[in-house]
Amino acid sequence: MQLADRVNRIAPSATLGVLMEKEKLVARGIDVVDFGPGEPDFSTPEHIKRAAIKAIEENKTKYTPAGGIMPLREAAVEWHAKYQGSNYAPKECVINSGGKHSLFNVIHALINSGDEVLILAPYWVSYPEMVKCADGEPVILDTDARDGFIPRASQIERAITPRTKILIVNSPSNPTGAVIPEDEFAKILAIAKKHGVWLLSDECYSHFVYGSAKPFSVASLPGAKDSVIISASLSKTFAMTGWRMGYTLAPQPIADAVLKLQSQSISNPTSIAQYAALEALRGGMESVAEMVAQFAKRRRRILEGLREIPGVTCHEPEGSFYVFPNVTGAVNSYSGEQADTLKVARELLDREHVVVISGEAFGAPGYLRISYATSMERIEEGLRRLGNFFRAERAVSSTAATRG
């Protein structure tokens, strides 16, 4: 069967693939510790669910404008102004079916064949595939674990070419949890403006920050609006992953282009979910504070547990709800070779029934992404199983080295 080139040049989502493998084990009645999900384990707050039920009862189940109902567009720009310091008008906002949909639309609205998109590694798995789907060229720029995986403006500038159209920045980062300091973000914005490159800022995890880190948007910086596009999501912030609600903030020509694409693809985001999103954005942030407080405790425990495993190293993330340990020392402690974490992830699932995502999926061989968006009880059990697995691996490596 002859498929379109755009389908042949992209790969399936690695994270969704792991979910399918996990479901097979669960169906067999096996107890699986799931460190894979990129979603809060908290329920959607009650007031948001009630708003959706009310929308159904009031028959708000018809088509809406392609870019979303106007009260929701107004609420999105008001919320972003209040909590992120931006200054957008409703006409510069498009409601999307999730943050992923926002990113997909923006990339397809801007990229022509051969245009380059700078992507900072480790990266979220879908960035390169979206660029390929748009017939663009993803250009991968590695960040350094010794520097907390923080991208530096000077490094970015060296990678820009006349073909560079977009720079994608994700802070807090999936998978590393890195948070770009405000002063470095300002330097990155200045480089983007200097070279006429769009700075596409993925703010999916904006409010999941710890310690001294604070929620921050590059759109709050002076002169940002003419060079910045914001891709925002309600999925993580309000525990609404399945509702598929996000939005794009951009100069009106970009917003209009996204709207045009959307009108010919999904017609409009789900009406019922829009009314739930309206309640989320106009309600309080108490549920967010509660989630962040719980995640902070889990983050401390999982870091402690991972660092107790010989050979595992892990920087301290300032944001999101992931840790990104380097397991090369735990797997290949005697060979000196880089760990094949695709194999590690498969064997962890097979032998210990622990779900993790391999670093290869994020452009970072040797690492594993571990989500702590699960209960403390499951974290403790998962750490026990991880310890068992890596102790066994070191024993095998030691025996092999002795025989060699």
Protein backbone atom coordinates (compact mmCIF):
# COMPACT_ATOMS: atom_id res chain seq x y z
CA MET A 1 0.00 0.00 0.00
CA GLN A 2 1.39 3.39 -1.00
CA LEU A 3 1.09 5.86 1.88
CA ALA A 4 1.76 9.59 1.80
CA ASP A 5 5.37 10.64 2.29
CA ARG A 6 4.40 12.74 5.30
CA VAL A 7 3.23 9.58 7.09
CA ASN A 8 6.24 7.51 6.08
CA ARG A 9 8.74 10.06 7.37
CA ILE A 10 7.34 10.23 10.91
CA ALA A 11 7.49 7.69 13.74
CA PRO A 12 4.71 6.64 16.12
CA SER A 13 4.72 8.27 19.54
CA ALA A 14 7.17 6.41 21.79
CA THR A 15 5.23 7.30 24.91
CA LEU A 16 1.93 6.02 23.52
CA GLY A 17 3.68 2.85 22.37
CA VAL A 18 4.82 2.09 25.92
CA LEU A 19 1.26 2.65 27.14
CA MET A 20 0.04 -0.07 24.77
CA GLU A 21 2.64 -2.55 26.09
CA LYS A 22 1.67 -1.75 29.66
CA GLU A 23 -2.00 -2.40 28.93
CA LYS A 24 -1.15 -5.89 27.68
CA LEU A 25 0.46 -6.74 31.02
CA VAL A 26 -2.38 -5.22 33.03
CA ALA A 27 -4.87 -7.25 31.00
CA ARG A 28 -3.03 -10.38 32.18
CA GLY A 29 -3.47 -9.31 35.81
CA ILE A 30 0.17 -8.31 36.34
CA ASP A 31 0.94 -5.56 38.87
CA VAL A 32 2.72 -2.83 36.89
CA VAL A 33 4.44 0.23 38.37
CA ASP A 34 3.81 2.92 35.81
CA PHE A 35 6.44 5.67 35.67
CA GLY A 36 5.50 6.47 32.09
CA PRO A 37 2.47 8.80 32.12
CA GLY A 38 2.88 12.44 31.18
CA GLU A 39 -0.23 13.36 33.13
CA PRO A 40 -1.15 14.21 36.72
CA ASP A 41 -2.66 11.33 38.66
CA PHE A 42 -5.14 13.76 40.21
CA SER A 43 -8.77 13.98 39.16
CA THR A 44 -10.12 16.99 37.31
CA PRO A 45 -11.42 19.40 40.01
CA GLU A 46 -15.13 19.08 40.77
CA HIS A 47 -16.12 22.62 39.77
CA ILE A 48 -14.65 22.02 36.29
CA LYS A 49 -16.51 18.72 35.89
CA ARG A 50 -19.76 20.35 37.03
CA ALA A 51 -19.34 23.07 34.40
CA ALA A 52 -19.17 20.41 31.70
CA ILE A 53 -22.26 18.66 33.04
CA LYS A 54 -24.10 21.98 33.11
CA ALA A 55 -23.07 22.64 29.49
CA ILE A 56 -24.60 19.31 28.48
CA GLU A 57 -27.77 20.00 30.43
CA GLU A 58 -28.07 23.40 28.77
CA ASN A 59 -27.59 21.81 25.34
CA LYS A 60 -24.30 23.58 24.62
CA THR A 61 -23.43 20.69 22.35
CA LYS A 62 -23.48 22.36 18.94
CA TYR A 63 -20.72 23.68 16.68
CA THR A 64 -18.82 26.67 18.01
CA PRO A 65 -16.64 29.18 16.15
CA ALA A 66 -13.52 27.46 14.81
CA GLY A 67 -11.23 29.37 17.16
CA GLY A 68 -13.35 28.69 20.23
CA ILE A 69 -16.14 30.54 21.99
CA MET A 70 -15.30 34.19 22.62
CA PRO A 71 -15.69 34.00 26.43
CA LEU A 72 -13.03 31.27 26.49
CA ARG A 73 -10.64 33.23 24.27
CA GLU A 74 -11.12 36.22 26.58
CA ALA A 75 -10.56 34.06 29.64
CA ALA A 76 -7.37 32.57 28.17
CA VAL A 77 -5.75 35.93 27.50
CA GLU A 78 -6.89 37.24 30.90
CA TRP A 79 -5.48 34.18 32.70
CA HIS A 80 -2.20 34.37 30.83
CA ALA A 81 -1.91 38.08 31.57
CA LYS A 82 -2.62 37.54 35.28
CA TYR A 83 -0.33 34.57 35.86
CA GLN A 84 2.25 34.90 33.07
CA GLY A 85 2.48 38.66 32.56
CA SER A 86 1.57 38.82 28.86
CA ASN A 87 -0.60 41.27 26.96
CA TYR A 88 -2.65 39.57 24.24
CA ALA A 89 -6.04 40.41 22.76
CA PRO A 90 -8.74 37.75 22.18
CA LYS A 91 -8.18 38.07 18.41
CA GLU A 92 -4.60 36.89 19.05
CA CYS A 93 -5.84 33.72 20.76
CA VAL A 94 -7.04 30.46 19.20
CA ILE A 95 -8.48 27.65 21.32
CA ASN A 96 -7.06 24.27 20.28
CA SER A 97 -7.71 20.63 21.09
CA GLY A 98 -4.77 20.43 23.48
CA GLY A 99 -1.28 21.90 23.56
CA LYS A 100 -0.06 19.28 21.08
CA HIS A 101 -2.67 20.48 18.59
CA SER A 102 -1.50 24.06 19.11
CA LEU A 103 2.11 23.12 18.33
CA PHE A 104 1.10 21.05 15.30
CA ASN A 105 -0.95 23.92 13.87
CA VAL A 106 1.74 26.55 14.40
CA ILE A 107 4.45 24.43 12.81
CA HIS A 108 2.25 23.65 9.79
CA ALA A 109 1.24 27.30 9.47
CA LEU A 110 4.87 28.48 9.29
CA ILE A 111 7.08 25.77 7.80
CA ASN A 112 7.75 25.30 4.10
CA SER A 113 9.74 22.45 2.58
CA GLY A 114 13.37 22.66 3.69
CA ASP A 115 12.84 25.21 6.48
CA GLU A 116 14.81 24.41 9.62
CA VAL A 117 13.42 24.20 13.14
CA LEU A 118 15.87 24.30 16.05
CA ILE A 119 14.96 21.73 18.71
CA LEU A 120 16.79 21.56 22.02
CA ALA A 121 17.70 18.05 23.18
CA PRO A 122 16.59 16.30 25.26
CA TYR A 123 13.28 17.17 23.61
CA TRP A 124 9.66 16.14 23.83
CA VAL A 125 9.19 13.21 21.47
CA SER A 126 6.70 14.90 19.12
CA TYR A 127 8.69 18.01 18.15
CA PRO A 128 10.88 16.43 15.44
CA GLU A 129 7.99 14.37 14.06
CA MET A 130 5.75 17.42 13.72
CA VAL A 131 8.48 19.23 11.82
CA LYS A 132 9.03 16.26 9.51
CA CYS A 133 5.30 16.01 8.89
CA ALA A 134 5.37 19.65 7.73
CA ASP A 135 8.30 18.77 5.42
CA GLY A 136 10.68 20.82 7.51
CA GLU A 137 14.09 19.82 8.83
CA PRO A 138 14.51 19.35 12.58
CA VAL A 139 17.94 20.56 13.71
CA ILE A 140 18.83 19.04 17.07
CA LEU A 141 20.89 21.08 19.49
CA ASP A 142 22.18 19.19 22.54
CA THR A 143 22.14 20.73 25.99
CA ASP A 144 24.53 19.66 28.75
CA ALA A 145 23.52 17.66 31.82
CA ARG A 146 26.38 19.32 33.71
CA ASP A 147 24.61 22.64 33.12
CA GLY A 148 21.23 21.26 34.18
CA PHE A 149 20.18 20.84 30.53
CA ILE A 150 19.67 24.61 30.29
CA PRO A 151 19.98 25.95 26.72
CA ARG A 152 22.31 28.91 26.29
CA ALA A 153 21.72 31.81 23.89
CA SER A 154 25.29 31.72 22.58
CA GLN A 155 24.93 28.04 21.69
CA ILE A 156 21.61 28.71 19.95
CA GLU A 157 23.01 31.58 17.91
CA ARG A 158 25.81 29.40 16.55
CA ALA A 159 23.22 26.91 15.28
CA ILE A 160 21.04 29.44 13.43
CA THR A 161 21.30 29.46 9.64
CA PRO A 162 19.47 31.47 6.94
CA ARG A 163 17.02 28.55 6.74
CA THR A 164 16.09 28.63 10.44
CA LYS A 165 12.42 29.52 10.80
CA ILE A 166 11.47 28.45 14.33
CA LEU A 167 13.20 27.79 17.65
CA ILE A 168 11.14 25.57 19.98
CA VAL A 169 11.72 26.16 23.68
CA ASN A 170 10.08 24.11 26.44
CA SER A 171 10.49 25.42 29.98
CA PRO A 172 9.88 23.66 32.33
CA SER A 173 11.12 20.85 30.15
CA ASN A 174 9.71 17.49 29.29
CA PRO A 175 11.73 15.27 29.87
CA THR A 176 14.47 16.92 31.96
CA GLY A 177 12.53 19.29 34.22
CA ALA A 178 15.00 22.06 33.33
CA VAL A 179 13.79 25.62 33.91
CA ILE A 180 15.43 28.36 31.85
CA PRO A 181 16.46 31.33 34.04
CA GLU A 182 14.69 34.57 33.16
CA ASP A 183 17.91 36.36 32.21
CA GLU A 184 18.88 33.53 29.85
CA PHE A 185 15.39 33.55 28.35
CA ALA A 186 15.82 37.26 27.64
CA LYS A 187 19.10 36.55 25.84
CA ILE A 188 17.46 33.79 23.80
CA LEU A 189 14.63 36.15 22.82
CA ALA A 190 17.17 38.77 21.75
CA ILE A 191 18.93 36.22 19.52
CA ALA A 192 15.62 35.16 17.96
CA LYS A 193 14.69 38.78 17.24
CA LYS A 194 18.13 39.53 15.84
CA HIS A 195 17.91 36.69 13.32
CA GLY A 196 14.20 36.91 12.52
CA VAL A 197 13.45 33.50 14.01
CA TRP A 198 10.10 32.68 15.61
CA LEU A 199 10.45 31.66 19.25
CA LEU A 200 7.79 29.00 19.85
CA SER A 201 7.44 28.58 23.60
CA ASP A 202 5.74 25.42 24.85
CA GLU A 203 4.35 26.31 28.29
CA CYS A 204 2.64 23.01 29.04
CA TYR A 205 4.30 22.71 32.48
CA SER A 206 4.41 26.41 33.34
CA HIS A 207 3.08 26.08 36.89
CA PHE A 208 4.92 22.92 37.89
CA VAL A 209 8.02 24.50 39.41
CA TYR A 210 9.84 23.87 42.69
CA GLY A 211 12.27 25.51 45.07
CA SER A 212 13.19 29.02 44.00
CA ALA A 213 11.84 28.61 40.45
CA LYS A 214 8.71 30.61 39.57
CA PRO A 215 6.21 30.40 36.70
CA PHE A 216 7.51 32.55 33.86
CA SER A 217 6.59 33.28 30.26
CA VAL A 218 8.93 34.75 27.68
CA ALA A 219 5.85 36.67 26.44
CA SER A 220 6.14 38.87 29.53
CA LEU A 221 9.45 40.35 28.32
CA PRO A 222 9.45 43.79 26.65
CA GLY A 223 9.14 43.60 22.86
CA ALA A 224 8.40 39.87 22.89
CA LYS A 225 5.08 39.80 21.05
CA ASP A 226 6.37 40.31 17.52
CA SER A 227 8.77 37.32 17.80
CA VAL A 228 7.05 34.94 20.22
CA ILE A 229 4.31 32.34 19.84
CA ILE A 230 2.91 30.72 22.97
CA SER A 231 1.56 27.19 22.98
CA ALA A 232 -0.39 26.66 26.19
CA SER A 233 -2.23 23.70 27.66
CA LEU A 234 -4.83 23.13 30.35
CA SER A 235 -4.03 19.42 30.43
CA LYS A 236 -1.42 19.40 33.17
CA THR A 237 -2.28 22.60 35.05
CA PHE A 238 -5.88 21.61 35.73
CA ALA A 239 -5.56 17.78 35.46
CA MET A 240 -7.57 17.85 32.23
CA THR A 241 -5.45 15.67 29.93
CA GLY A 242 -8.38 13.79 28.40
CA TRP A 243 -10.42 16.94 27.83
CA ARG A 244 -7.97 18.04 25.11
CA MET A 245 -7.90 21.78 25.76
CA GLY A 246 -5.11 24.17 24.86
CA TYR A 247 -4.62 27.50 23.15
CA THR A 248 -2.26 29.50 20.97
CA LEU A 249 -1.23 33.10 21.62
CA ALA A 250 0.42 34.82 18.67
CA PRO A 251 0.48 37.96 16.52
CA GLN A 252 -2.81 38.15 14.66
CA PRO A 253 -1.47 37.01 11.23
CA ILE A 254 -0.19 33.81 12.87
CA ALA A 255 -3.37 33.37 14.89
CA ASP A 256 -5.41 33.81 11.70
CA ALA A 257 -3.31 31.19 9.91
CA VAL A 258 -3.79 28.72 12.77
CA LEU A 259 -7.51 29.47 12.69
CA LYS A 260 -7.63 28.79 8.94
CA LEU A 261 -5.95 25.40 9.40
CA GLN A 262 -8.21 24.52 12.27
CA SER A 263 -11.35 25.44 10.36
CA GLN A 264 -10.42 22.88 7.70
CA SER A 265 -9.35 20.11 10.10
CA ILE A 266 -11.31 19.79 13.36
CA SER A 267 -13.91 22.53 12.65
CA ASN A 268 -13.81 23.51 16.33
CA PRO A 269 -12.67 22.15 19.70
CA THR A 270 -15.31 20.16 21.58
CA SER A 271 -18.00 22.52 22.84
CA ILE A 272 -18.49 20.79 26.20
CA ALA A 273 -14.75 20.80 26.95
CA GLN A 274 -14.63 24.51 26.13
CA TYR A 275 -17.14 25.31 28.87
CA ALA A 276 -15.15 23.17 31.31
CA ALA A 277 -12.00 25.09 30.28
CA LEU A 278 -13.80 28.39 30.83
CA GLU A 279 -14.55 27.37 34.40
CA ALA A 280 -10.94 26.23 34.90
CA LEU A 281 -9.47 29.53 33.75
CA ARG A 282 -11.94 31.68 35.65
CA GLY A 283 -11.87 29.58 38.81
CA GLY A 284 -9.20 29.55 41.47
CA MET A 285 -5.74 27.99 41.44
CA GLU A 286 -6.10 26.07 44.70
CA SER A 287 -6.06 22.67 43.00
CA VAL A 288 -2.85 23.60 41.18
CA ALA A 289 -1.12 24.55 44.45
CA GLU A 290 -2.21 21.25 46.00
CA MET A 291 -0.82 19.25 43.07
CA VAL A 292 2.49 21.11 43.09
CA ALA A 293 2.89 20.54 46.84
CA GLN A 294 2.37 16.80 46.39
CA PHE A 295 4.68 16.64 43.39
CA ALA A 296 7.39 18.43 45.37
CA LYS A 297 7.32 15.68 48.02
CA ARG A 298 7.40 12.94 45.40
CA ARG A 299 10.24 14.67 43.58
CA ARG A 300 12.38 14.68 46.73
CA ARG A 301 11.73 11.01 47.42
CA ILE A 302 12.36 9.74 43.90
CA LEU A 303 15.61 11.72 43.67
CA GLU A 304 16.77 10.24 46.97
CA GLY A 305 15.85 6.74 45.86
CA LEU A 306 17.50 6.96 42.46
CA ARG A 307 20.72 8.36 43.92
CA GLU A 308 20.92 5.37 46.25
CA ILE A 309 21.21 3.02 43.25
CA PRO A 310 24.91 2.47 42.41
CA GLY A 311 25.85 3.86 39.02
CA VAL A 312 22.71 6.00 38.55
CA THR A 313 23.20 9.76 38.40
CA CYS A 314 20.40 12.32 38.25
CA HIS A 315 20.40 16.12 38.17
CA GLU A 316 17.77 17.87 40.26
CA PRO A 317 14.92 19.11 38.05
CA GLU A 318 13.34 22.46 38.87
CA GLY A 319 10.08 21.83 37.04
CA SER A 320 7.55 19.48 35.39
CA PHE A 321 6.98 16.08 37.07
CA TYR A 322 9.79 14.01 35.60
CA VAL A 323 13.29 12.97 36.59
CA PHE A 324 15.79 12.10 33.88
CA PRO A 325 18.50 9.84 35.32
CA ASN A 326 21.57 8.68 33.45
CA VAL A 327 21.75 4.92 33.95
CA THR A 328 24.84 4.16 31.87
CA GLY A 329 26.97 3.64 34.99
CA ALA A 330 24.41 1.23 36.40
CA VAL A 331 24.10 -0.91 33.28
CA ASN A 332 27.55 -0.80 31.71
CA SER A 333 29.66 -0.01 34.73
CA TYR A 334 32.53 -2.21 33.52
CA SER A 335 32.34 -1.93 29.76
CA GLY A 336 32.46 1.86 29.54
CA GLU A 337 29.88 1.78 26.74
CA GLN A 338 26.77 3.95 26.63
CA ALA A 339 23.65 2.24 27.90
CA ASP A 340 21.10 1.04 25.36
CA THR A 341 18.10 2.43 27.21
CA LEU A 342 15.66 1.10 24.63
CA LYS A 343 16.77 -2.34 25.78
CA VAL A 344 16.80 -1.27 29.44
CA ALA A 345 13.21 0.00 29.21
CA ARG A 346 12.04 -3.21 27.56
CA GLU A 347 13.76 -5.42 30.14
CA LEU A 348 12.49 -3.32 33.04
CA LEU A 349 8.97 -3.90 31.76
CA ASP A 350 9.52 -7.61 31.14
CA ARG A 351 11.47 -8.48 34.29
CA GLU A 352 10.31 -6.01 36.93
CA HIS A 353 7.05 -4.78 35.38
CA VAL A 354 8.13 -1.14 35.63
CA VAL A 355 7.18 1.33 32.89
CA VAL A 356 9.77 3.96 31.96
CA ILE A 357 10.51 5.76 28.70
CA SER A 358 13.91 5.34 27.04
CA GLY A 359 16.12 8.35 26.57
CA GLU A 360 16.50 7.57 22.86
CA ALA A 361 12.90 8.74 22.37
CA PHE A 362 13.95 12.18 23.65
CA GLY A 363 17.23 12.38 21.77
CA ALA A 364 19.28 11.38 24.82
CA PRO A 365 20.67 7.82 24.79
CA GLY A 366 21.78 6.58 28.19
CA TYR A 367 18.91 8.22 30.06
CA LEU A 368 15.46 7.16 31.23
CA ARG A 369 12.44 9.41 31.71
CA ILE A 370 10.63 8.60 34.94
CA SER A 371 7.37 10.30 35.80
CA TYR A 372 6.56 10.82 39.47
CA ALA A 373 2.93 11.61 38.67
CA THR A 374 1.87 8.63 40.74
CA SER A 375 1.31 7.89 44.41
CA MET A 376 4.09 7.77 46.98
CA GLU A 377 3.23 4.12 47.57
CA ARG A 378 3.85 3.27 43.90
CA ILE A 379 7.03 5.36 43.88
CA GLU A 380 8.39 3.31 46.81
CA GLU A 381 7.52 0.05 45.07
CA GLY A 382 8.99 1.29 41.80
CA LEU A 383 12.24 2.33 43.47
CA ARG A 384 12.49 -1.14 45.04
CA ARG A 385 12.06 -2.80 41.65
CA LEU A 386 14.48 -0.41 39.95
CA GLY A 387 17.07 -1.19 42.63
CA ASN A 388 16.60 -4.93 42.08
CA PHE A 389 16.99 -4.56 38.34
CA PHE A 390 20.15 -2.45 38.37
CA ARG A 391 21.83 -4.51 41.09
CA ALA A 392 21.28 -7.57 38.90
CA GLU A 393 22.68 -5.72 35.89
CA ARG A 394 25.83 -4.72 37.76
CA ALA A 395 26.31 -8.29 38.93
CA VAL A 396 26.12 -9.54 35.34
CA SER A 397 28.55 -6.83 34.19
CA SER A 398 30.96 -7.69 36.99
CA THR A 399 30.89 -11.40 36.11
CA ALA A 400 31.42 -10.63 32.42
CA ALA A 401 34.35 -8.36 33.23
CA THR A 402 35.96 -11.04 35.45
CA ARG A 403 35.63 -13.70 32.76
CA GLY A 404 36.98 -11.30 30.15
